[in-house]
Amino acid sequence: MLASEMIINHQEKAQALLKADADKILKLIKVQMDNLTMPQCPLYEEVLDTQMFGLSREIDFAVRLGLIEEAEGKSLLGELERELSALHEASTRK
């Protein structure tokens, strides 16, 4: 295997792992949206915030290693932040 093939393989793995972690957070958000229990469960909000922070650190690390582009990482976080915003809006309307 050539060095360039190894780099591409690592980049693909990094992208897949980050996407999988983002999908887990998205599932948490969707469950919360379906139940709209956030006002009664601040712990759930803490879990989401912690998960988002952890993912942002993972993305920073992958960007510094050159495994993903910064724009790709920002896009991934942006999608989740929009979902979180929608969750907050829905919970305040309830």
Protein backbone atom coordinates (compact mmCIF):
# COMPACT_ATOMS: atom_id res chain seq x y z
CA MET A 1 0.00 0.00 0.00
CA LEU A 2 1.38 3.39 -0.98
CA ALA A 3 1.71 6.21 1.54
CA SER A 4 -0.87 8.27 -0.35
CA GLU A 5 -3.33 5.35 -0.20
CA MET A 6 -2.76 5.09 3.57
CA ILE A 7 -3.44 8.82 4.00
CA ILE A 8 -6.65 8.57 1.98
CA ASN A 9 -7.67 5.50 4.01
CA HIS A 10 -7.07 7.39 7.27
CA GLN A 11 -9.01 10.37 5.95
CA GLU A 12 -11.96 8.16 5.02
CA LYS A 13 -11.88 6.47 8.43
CA ALA A 14 -11.75 9.84 10.21
CA GLN A 15 -14.68 11.12 8.17
CA ALA A 16 -16.69 7.96 8.86
CA LEU A 17 -15.99 8.06 12.61
CA LEU A 18 -16.88 11.74 12.90
CA LYS A 19 -20.06 11.20 10.92
CA ALA A 20 -21.00 8.24 13.13
CA ASP A 21 -20.48 10.35 16.27
CA ALA A 22 -22.52 13.17 14.76
CA ASP A 23 -25.29 10.69 13.90
CA LYS A 24 -25.39 9.51 17.54
CA ILE A 25 -25.86 13.10 18.69
CA LEU A 26 -28.51 13.64 16.03
CA LYS A 27 -30.38 10.58 17.32
CA LEU A 28 -30.31 12.05 20.85
CA ILE A 29 -31.70 15.30 19.47
CA LYS A 30 -34.43 13.50 17.51
CA VAL A 31 -35.50 11.47 20.55
CA GLN A 32 -35.69 14.68 22.54
CA MET A 33 -37.65 16.39 19.77
CA ASP A 34 -40.12 13.50 19.70
CA ASN A 35 -40.64 13.66 23.47
CA LEU A 36 -40.05 17.37 24.14
CA THR A 37 -39.07 16.65 27.72
CA MET A 38 -36.18 19.09 27.92
CA PRO A 39 -37.83 21.54 30.33
CA GLN A 40 -38.35 18.65 32.74
CA CYS A 41 -34.94 17.11 32.09
CA PRO A 42 -32.00 19.55 32.18
CA LEU A 43 -29.67 16.58 32.46
CA TYR A 44 -30.52 15.65 28.87
CA GLU A 45 -29.43 19.11 27.75
CA GLU A 46 -26.14 18.66 29.63
CA VAL A 47 -25.57 15.34 27.87
CA LEU A 48 -26.17 16.95 24.47
CA ASP A 49 -23.86 19.86 25.30
CA THR A 50 -21.14 17.47 26.45
CA GLN A 51 -21.52 15.33 23.33
CA MET A 52 -21.34 18.42 21.11
CA PHE A 53 -18.22 19.65 22.90
CA GLY A 54 -16.58 16.24 22.55
CA LEU A 55 -17.36 16.10 18.85
CA SER A 56 -15.95 19.61 18.34
CA ARG A 57 -12.69 18.47 19.98
CA GLU A 58 -12.59 15.37 17.77
CA ILE A 59 -13.10 17.55 14.71
CA ASP A 60 -10.36 19.97 15.79
CA PHE A 61 -7.99 17.05 16.24
CA ALA A 62 -8.83 15.58 12.82
CA VAL A 63 -8.36 19.01 11.19
CA ARG A 64 -4.97 19.48 12.86
CA LEU A 65 -3.90 16.06 11.61
CA GLY A 66 -5.01 17.00 8.12
CA LEU A 67 -7.56 14.20 8.00
CA ILE A 68 -10.50 16.46 7.21
CA GLU A 69 -10.90 19.99 5.94
CA GLU A 70 -11.87 22.67 8.46
CA ALA A 71 -14.92 23.56 6.35
CA GLU A 72 -16.13 19.96 6.48
CA GLY A 73 -15.85 19.93 10.26
CA LYS A 74 -17.67 23.25 10.58
CA SER A 75 -20.42 21.96 8.31
CA LEU A 76 -20.90 18.86 10.44
CA LEU A 77 -21.13 20.91 13.64
CA GLY A 78 -23.36 23.48 11.94
CA GLU A 79 -25.91 20.82 11.02
CA LEU A 80 -26.08 19.61 14.61
CA GLU A 81 -26.28 23.15 15.98
CA ARG A 82 -29.25 23.86 13.69
CA GLU A 83 -30.97 20.72 14.99
CA LEU A 84 -30.25 21.75 18.58
CA SER A 85 -31.65 25.19 17.88
CA ALA A 86 -34.82 23.63 16.47
CA LEU A 87 -35.08 21.48 19.59
CA HIS A 88 -34.78 24.51 21.87
CA GLU A 89 -37.40 26.39 19.87
CA ALA A 90 -39.78 23.44 19.96
CA SER A 91 -39.33 22.97 23.70
CA THR A 92 -40.05 26.63 24.44
CA ARG A 93 -43.23 26.50 22.33
CA LYS A 94 -44.52 23.45 24.22
